[in-house]
N, C-alpha and C. Protein backbone atom coordinates (compact mmCIF):
# COMPACT_ATOMS: atom_id res chain seq x y z
N MET A 1 0.83 -1.19 0.00
CA MET A 1 0.00 0.00 0.00
C MET A 1 0.87 1.26 0.00
N LEU A 2 1.96 1.26 0.77
CA LEU A 2 2.84 2.42 0.85
C LEU A 2 3.45 2.79 -0.51
N PRO A 3 3.91 1.82 -1.31
CA PRO A 3 4.45 2.21 -2.62
C PRO A 3 3.44 2.93 -3.51
N LEU A 4 2.18 2.56 -3.41
CA LEU A 4 1.16 3.23 -4.22
C LEU A 4 0.97 4.68 -3.76
N LEU A 5 1.05 4.93 -2.47
CA LEU A 5 0.93 6.28 -1.96
C LEU A 5 2.11 7.14 -2.42
N LEU A 6 3.30 6.56 -2.38
CA LEU A 6 4.49 7.30 -2.82
C LEU A 6 4.43 7.60 -4.31
N LEU A 7 3.96 6.64 -5.08
CA LEU A 7 3.84 6.83 -6.51
C LEU A 7 2.81 7.92 -6.82
N GLY A 8 1.72 7.92 -6.09
CA GLY A 8 0.70 8.94 -6.27
C GLY A 8 1.19 10.32 -5.90
N ALA A 9 2.01 10.42 -4.87
CA ALA A 9 2.53 11.72 -4.44
C ALA A 9 3.49 12.29 -5.47
N CYS A 10 4.27 11.46 -6.12
CA CYS A 10 5.22 11.93 -7.13
C CYS A 10 4.52 12.42 -8.38
N LYS A 11 3.37 11.90 -8.66
CA LYS A 11 2.66 12.27 -9.87
C LYS A 11 2.17 13.71 -9.84
N ASP A 12 1.98 14.27 -8.67
CA ASP A 12 1.48 15.63 -8.55
C ASP A 12 2.53 16.69 -8.90
N GLU A 13 3.79 16.34 -8.90
CA GLU A 13 4.86 17.29 -9.20
C GLU A 13 4.84 17.63 -10.69
N PRO A 14 4.89 18.92 -11.04
CA PRO A 14 4.94 19.28 -12.46
C PRO A 14 6.30 18.89 -13.06
N ASP A 15 6.30 18.58 -14.34
CA ASP A 15 7.55 18.20 -14.99
C ASP A 15 8.40 19.45 -15.28
N PHE A 16 9.60 19.21 -15.76
CA PHE A 16 10.55 20.30 -15.99
C PHE A 16 9.99 21.34 -16.96
N ASP A 17 9.42 20.86 -18.07
CA ASP A 17 8.92 21.80 -19.08
C ASP A 17 7.82 22.70 -18.52
N THR A 18 6.96 22.14 -17.70
CA THR A 18 5.88 22.93 -17.09
C THR A 18 6.46 23.98 -16.15
N ARG A 19 7.41 23.58 -15.31
CA ARG A 19 8.04 24.53 -14.39
C ARG A 19 8.81 25.60 -15.16
N TYR A 20 9.50 25.20 -16.24
CA TYR A 20 10.26 26.15 -17.05
C TYR A 20 9.34 27.18 -17.70
N ASP A 21 8.25 26.70 -18.30
CA ASP A 21 7.31 27.60 -18.96
C ASP A 21 6.71 28.59 -17.96
N LYS A 22 6.39 28.11 -16.77
CA LYS A 22 5.82 28.99 -15.74
C LYS A 22 6.85 30.05 -15.33
N ALA A 23 8.09 29.63 -15.10
CA ALA A 23 9.14 30.57 -14.71
C ALA A 23 9.41 31.58 -15.82
N ALA A 24 9.42 31.12 -17.06
CA ALA A 24 9.67 32.01 -18.20
C ALA A 24 8.56 33.05 -18.32
N ALA A 25 7.32 32.63 -18.10
CA ALA A 25 6.20 33.57 -18.16
C ALA A 25 6.29 34.61 -17.04
N GLU A 26 6.67 34.17 -15.85
CA GLU A 26 6.82 35.11 -14.73
C GLU A 26 7.94 36.11 -15.00
N ILE A 27 9.05 35.64 -15.53
CA ILE A 27 10.18 36.52 -15.84
C ILE A 27 9.79 37.53 -16.93
N GLU A 28 9.07 37.06 -17.93
CA GLU A 28 8.64 37.97 -19.01
C GLU A 28 7.68 39.03 -18.47
N ALA A 29 6.79 38.64 -17.59
CA ALA A 29 5.85 39.60 -17.00
C ALA A 29 6.59 40.64 -16.16
N ARG A 30 7.57 40.19 -15.39
CA ARG A 30 8.37 41.13 -14.59
C ARG A 30 9.16 42.08 -15.48
N ALA A 31 9.72 41.56 -16.56
CA ALA A 31 10.50 42.39 -17.49
C ALA A 31 9.61 43.45 -18.13
N LYS A 32 8.40 43.07 -18.53
CA LYS A 32 7.49 44.05 -19.13
C LYS A 32 7.10 45.12 -18.12
N ALA A 33 6.88 44.71 -16.87
CA ALA A 33 6.53 45.69 -15.83
C ALA A 33 7.70 46.64 -15.58
N MET A 34 8.91 46.11 -15.57
CA MET A 34 10.09 46.95 -15.37
C MET A 34 10.26 47.91 -16.54
N ASP A 35 10.05 47.43 -17.77
CA ASP A 35 10.14 48.30 -18.95
C ASP A 35 9.12 49.43 -18.87
N ALA A 36 7.91 49.11 -18.42
CA ALA A 36 6.87 50.13 -18.30
C ALA A 36 7.27 51.16 -17.23
N ASP A 37 7.83 50.70 -16.12
CA ASP A 37 8.27 51.62 -15.07
C ASP A 37 9.38 52.54 -15.57
N VAL A 38 10.32 51.99 -16.31
CA VAL A 38 11.42 52.78 -16.85
C VAL A 38 10.89 53.80 -17.85
N ALA A 39 9.98 53.38 -18.71
CA ALA A 39 9.41 54.30 -19.70
C ALA A 39 8.65 55.43 -19.00
N GLU A 40 7.91 55.09 -17.94
CA GLU A 40 7.17 56.11 -17.20
C GLU A 40 8.12 57.09 -16.52
N ALA A 41 9.18 56.57 -15.93
CA ALA A 41 10.17 57.43 -15.27
C ALA A 41 10.88 58.31 -16.30
N ASP A 42 11.18 57.75 -17.46
CA ASP A 42 11.84 58.51 -18.52
C ASP A 42 10.93 59.64 -19.01
N LYS A 43 9.66 59.33 -19.17
CA LYS A 43 8.70 60.35 -19.60
C LYS A 43 8.58 61.45 -18.54
N ALA A 44 8.53 61.07 -17.27
CA ALA A 44 8.43 62.05 -16.20
C ALA A 44 9.68 62.93 -16.15
N ALA A 45 10.85 62.32 -16.39
CA ALA A 45 12.09 63.10 -16.39
C ALA A 45 12.13 64.09 -17.54
N LYS A 46 11.60 63.69 -18.69
CA LYS A 46 11.57 64.60 -19.84
C LYS A 46 10.59 65.73 -19.62
N ASP A 47 9.48 65.43 -18.92
CA ASP A 47 8.47 66.45 -18.65
C ASP A 47 8.94 67.44 -17.58
N ASP A 48 9.84 67.00 -16.72
CA ASP A 48 10.34 67.84 -15.62
C ASP A 48 11.45 68.74 -16.15
N ASP A 49 11.34 70.04 -15.90
CA ASP A 49 12.37 70.96 -16.38
C ASP A 49 13.42 71.27 -15.31
N GLY A 50 13.36 70.59 -14.20
CA GLY A 50 14.37 70.76 -13.16
C GLY A 50 13.99 71.76 -12.10
N THR A 51 12.89 72.48 -12.25
CA THR A 51 12.51 73.50 -11.28
C THR A 51 11.56 72.95 -10.24
N GLY A 52 11.00 71.78 -10.48
CA GLY A 52 10.02 71.22 -9.55
C GLY A 52 8.63 71.73 -9.83
N ALA A 53 8.48 72.65 -10.78
CA ALA A 53 7.17 73.19 -11.13
C ALA A 53 6.49 72.25 -12.11
N ALA A 54 5.18 72.37 -12.18
CA ALA A 54 4.42 71.59 -13.14
C ALA A 54 4.78 72.05 -14.55
N PRO A 55 4.78 71.13 -15.50
CA PRO A 55 5.11 71.52 -16.87
C PRO A 55 4.08 72.51 -17.41
N GLN A 56 4.54 73.46 -18.20
CA GLN A 56 3.69 74.48 -18.79
C GLN A 56 3.14 73.95 -20.11
N THR A 57 1.85 74.09 -20.31
CA THR A 57 1.26 73.72 -21.59
C THR A 57 0.84 75.00 -22.28
N ARG A 58 1.06 75.06 -23.58
CA ARG A 58 0.74 76.27 -24.33
C ARG A 58 -0.22 75.98 -25.43
């Protein structure tokens, strides 16, 4: 009976490809979020003229 329980417990573990795909998707999502943060910071830096005042629109 014990060997069947052990065999059943091992079956629940995802295989390498599944774990790899999940990790790759998480890394890609983090990279996209970081790129968006950098783009937002870059845009804010370009809008800021160094005086701390709000940008002037004409």
